C-alpha atoms as a PDB file:
ATOM      1  CA  UNK A   1       0.000   0.000   0.000  1.00  0.00           C
ATOM      2  CA  UNK A   2       1.421   3.380  -0.934  1.00  0.00           C
ATOM      3  CA  UNK A   3       0.611   6.974  -0.123  1.00  0.00           C
ATOM      4  CA  UNK A   4      -1.693   7.249  -3.130  1.00  0.00           C
ATOM      5  CA  UNK A   5      -3.746   4.251  -1.932  1.00  0.00           C
ATOM      6  CA  UNK A   6      -4.196   5.795   1.505  1.00  0.00           C
ATOM      7  CA  UNK A   7      -5.080   9.149  -0.030  1.00  0.00           C
ATOM      8  CA  UNK A   8      -7.681   7.522  -2.316  1.00  0.00           C
ATOM      9  CA  UNK A   9      -9.273   5.553   0.523  1.00  0.00           C
ATOM     10  CA  UNK A  10      -9.375   8.625   2.761  1.00  0.00           C
ATOM     11  CA  UNK A  11     -10.787  10.816   0.016  1.00  0.00           C
ATOM     12  CA  UNK A  12     -13.527   8.296  -0.789  1.00  0.00           C
ATOM     13  CA  UNK A  13     -14.399   7.905   2.887  1.00  0.00           C
ATOM     14  CA  UNK A  14     -14.433  11.640   3.575  1.00  0.00           C
ATOM     15  CA  UNK A  15     -16.425  12.478   0.446  1.00  0.00           C
ATOM     16  CA  UNK A  16     -19.026   9.790   1.209  1.00  0.00           C
ATOM     17  CA  UNK A  17     -19.283  11.039   4.778  1.00  0.00           C
ATOM     18  CA  UNK A  18     -19.672  14.625   3.594  1.00  0.00           C
ATOM     19  CA  UNK A  19     -22.259  13.563   0.996  1.00  0.00           C
ATOM     20  CA  UNK A  20     -24.363  11.846   3.665  1.00  0.00           C
ATOM     21  CA  UNK A  21     -24.084  14.827   5.998  1.00  0.00           C
ATOM     22  CA  UNK A  22     -25.026  17.364   3.326  1.00  0.00           C
ATOM     23  CA  UNK A  23     -28.028  15.208   2.404  1.00  0.00           C
ATOM     24  CA  UNK A  24     -29.245  15.425   5.999  1.00  0.00           C
ATOM     25  CA  UNK A  25     -28.314  11.798   6.688  1.00  0.00           C
ATOM     26  CA  UNK A  26     -25.766  12.384   9.465  1.00  0.00           C
ATOM     27  CA  UNK A  27     -27.237   9.389  11.291  1.00  0.00           C
ATOM     28  CA  UNK A  28     -25.993   7.129   8.462  1.00  0.00           C
ATOM     29  CA  UNK A  29     -22.505   8.616   8.651  1.00  0.00           C
ATOM     30  CA  UNK A  30     -22.512   8.094  12.397  1.00  0.00           C
ATOM     31  CA  UNK A  31     -24.030   4.600  12.518  1.00  0.00           C
ATOM     32  CA  UNK A  32     -22.702   2.989   9.341  1.00  0.00           C
ATOM     33  CA  UNK A  33     -19.342   4.750   9.041  1.00  0.00           C
ATOM     34  CA  UNK A  34     -18.634   5.399  12.717  1.00  0.00           C
ATOM     35  CA  UNK A  35     -18.171   9.136  12.282  1.00  0.00           C
ATOM     36  CA  UNK A  36     -18.625  11.093  15.513  1.00  0.00           C
ATOM     37  CA  UNK A  37     -21.301  13.811  15.438  1.00  0.00           C
ATOM     38  CA  UNK A  38     -18.685  16.526  15.971  1.00  0.00           C
ATOM     39  CA  UNK A  39     -16.756  15.349  12.906  1.00  0.00           C
ATOM     40  CA  UNK A  40     -19.837  15.157  10.699  1.00  0.00           C
ATOM     41  CA  UNK A  41     -20.666  18.754  11.646  1.00  0.00           C
ATOM     42  CA  UNK A  42     -17.182  19.893  10.627  1.00  0.00           C
ATOM     43  CA  UNK A  43     -17.104  17.909   7.359  1.00  0.00           C
ATOM     44  CA  UNK A  44     -20.262  19.632   6.124  1.00  0.00           C
ATOM     45  CA  UNK A  45     -18.446  22.968   6.233  1.00  0.00           C
ATOM     46  CA  UNK A  46     -15.176  21.913   4.572  1.00  0.00           C
ATOM     47  CA  UNK A  47     -14.364  22.802   0.984  1.00  0.00           C
ATOM     48  CA  UNK A  48     -13.224  20.136  -1.466  1.00  0.00           C
ATOM     49  CA  UNK A  49      -9.678  21.503  -1.188  1.00  0.00           C
ATOM     50  CA  UNK A  50      -9.765  21.142   2.600  1.00  0.00           C
ATOM     51  CA  UNK A  51     -11.077  17.577   2.306  1.00  0.00           C
ATOM     52  CA  UNK A  52      -8.241  16.731  -0.085  1.00  0.00           C
ATOM     53  CA  UNK A  53      -5.741  18.182   2.403  1.00  0.00           C
ATOM     54  CA  UNK A  54      -7.244  16.075   5.177  1.00  0.00           C
ATOM     55  CA  UNK A  55      -7.167  12.960   2.970  1.00  0.00           C
ATOM     56  CA  UNK A  56      -3.445  13.517   2.357  1.00  0.00           C
ATOM     57  CA  UNK A  57      -2.365  13.096   6.003  1.00  0.00           C
ATOM     58  CA  UNK A  58      -0.736   9.735   5.126  1.00  0.00           C
ATOM     59  CA  UNK A  59      -2.704   7.705   7.675  1.00  0.00           C
ATOM     60  CA  UNK A  60      -6.218   6.361   7.502  1.00  0.00           C
ATOM     61  CA  UNK A  61      -8.953   8.771   8.586  1.00  0.00           C
ATOM     62  CA  UNK A  62     -11.069   5.921   9.934  1.00  0.00           C
ATOM     63  CA  UNK A  63     -10.607   2.787  12.008  1.00  0.00           C
ATOM     64  CA  UNK A  64     -11.441  -0.865  11.508  1.00  0.00           C
ATOM     65  CA  UNK A  65     -14.691  -1.575  13.354  1.00  0.00           C
ATOM     66  CA  UNK A  66     -15.383  -5.209  12.517  1.00  0.00           C
ATOM     67  CA  UNK A  67     -14.172  -7.725  15.077  1.00  0.00           C
ATOM     68  CA  UNK A  68     -12.838 -11.177  14.170  1.00  0.00           C
ATOM     69  CA  UNK A  69     -16.056 -12.598  15.653  1.00  0.00           C
ATOM     70  CA  UNK A  70     -18.149 -10.663  13.149  1.00  0.00           C
ATOM     71  CA  UNK A  71     -16.028 -11.845  10.221  1.00  0.00           C
ATOM     72  CA  UNK A  72     -16.314 -15.444  11.405  1.00  0.00           C
ATOM     73  CA  UNK A  73     -20.105 -15.150  11.843  1.00  0.00           C
ATOM     74  CA  UNK A  74     -20.604 -13.629   8.406  1.00  0.00           C
ATOM     75  CA  UNK A  75     -18.409 -16.127   6.598  1.00  0.00           C
ATOM     76  CA  UNK A  76     -19.806 -19.150   8.419  1.00  0.00           C
ATOM     77  CA  UNK A  77     -23.412 -18.163   7.676  1.00  0.00           C
ATOM     78  CA  UNK A  78     -23.008 -18.556   3.920  1.00  0.00           C
ATOM     79  CA  UNK A  79     -23.123 -14.810   3.382  1.00  0.00           C
ATOM     80  CA  UNK A  80     -20.594 -15.048   0.581  1.00  0.00           C
ATOM     81  CA  UNK A  81     -23.488 -16.211  -1.606  1.00  0.00           C
ATOM     82  CA  UNK A  82     -25.848 -13.450  -0.419  1.00  0.00           C
ATOM     83  CA  UNK A  83     -26.506 -10.054  -1.867  1.00  0.00           C
ATOM     84  CA  UNK A  84     -24.283  -7.202  -0.617  1.00  0.00           C
ATOM     85  CA  UNK A  85     -27.245  -5.700   1.284  1.00  0.00           C
ATOM     86  CA  UNK A  86     -27.656  -9.001   3.154  1.00  0.00           C
ATOM     87  CA  UNK A  87     -23.985  -9.025   4.089  1.00  0.00           C
ATOM     88  CA  UNK A  88     -24.137  -5.460   5.376  1.00  0.00           C
ATOM     89  CA  UNK A  89     -27.060  -6.220   7.680  1.00  0.00           C
ATOM     90  CA  UNK A  90     -25.462  -9.462   8.878  1.00  0.00           C
ATOM     91  CA  UNK A  91     -22.335  -7.544   9.822  1.00  0.00           C
ATOM     92  CA  UNK A  92     -24.368  -4.921  11.687  1.00  0.00           C
ATOM     93  CA  UNK A  93     -26.411  -7.566  13.505  1.00  0.00           C
ATOM     94  CA  UNK A  94     -23.347  -9.584  14.431  1.00  0.00           C
ATOM     95  CA  UNK A  95     -21.443  -6.503  15.592  1.00  0.00           C
ATOM     96  CA  UNK A  96     -24.374  -5.548  17.788  1.00  0.00           C
ATOM     97  CA  UNK A  97     -24.514  -9.043  19.317  1.00  0.00           C
ATOM     98  CA  UNK A  98     -20.774  -9.063  20.063  1.00  0.00           C
ATOM     99  CA  UNK A  99     -20.765  -5.500  21.396  1.00  0.00           C
ATOM    100  CA  UNK A 100     -23.478  -6.433  23.878  1.00  0.00           C
ATOM    101  CA  UNK A 101     -21.485  -9.355  25.308  1.00  0.00           C
ATOM    102  CA  UNK A 102     -19.468  -8.616  28.479  1.00  0.00           C
END
């Protein structure tokens, strides 16, 4: 992975987050992408140039949120043959189950 890969991933993530926020769907950015409310408020006000500058920080702007348990649950349930929408909801459901465990 090189700097351009990280930049591209960051830019895609930040632009999608900003798109959701500008569309009034901050809840999706927060729940699905894990973006804190304070960050979504700031992203709405940034210019494209500022977003590109943020994307170029040479480290990912987001963190991995799926635990190994979730991956195992999704793969063992036959989700690889399901539609992408099915996989997304299985991941969310599994993450919720594992987050609730002590």
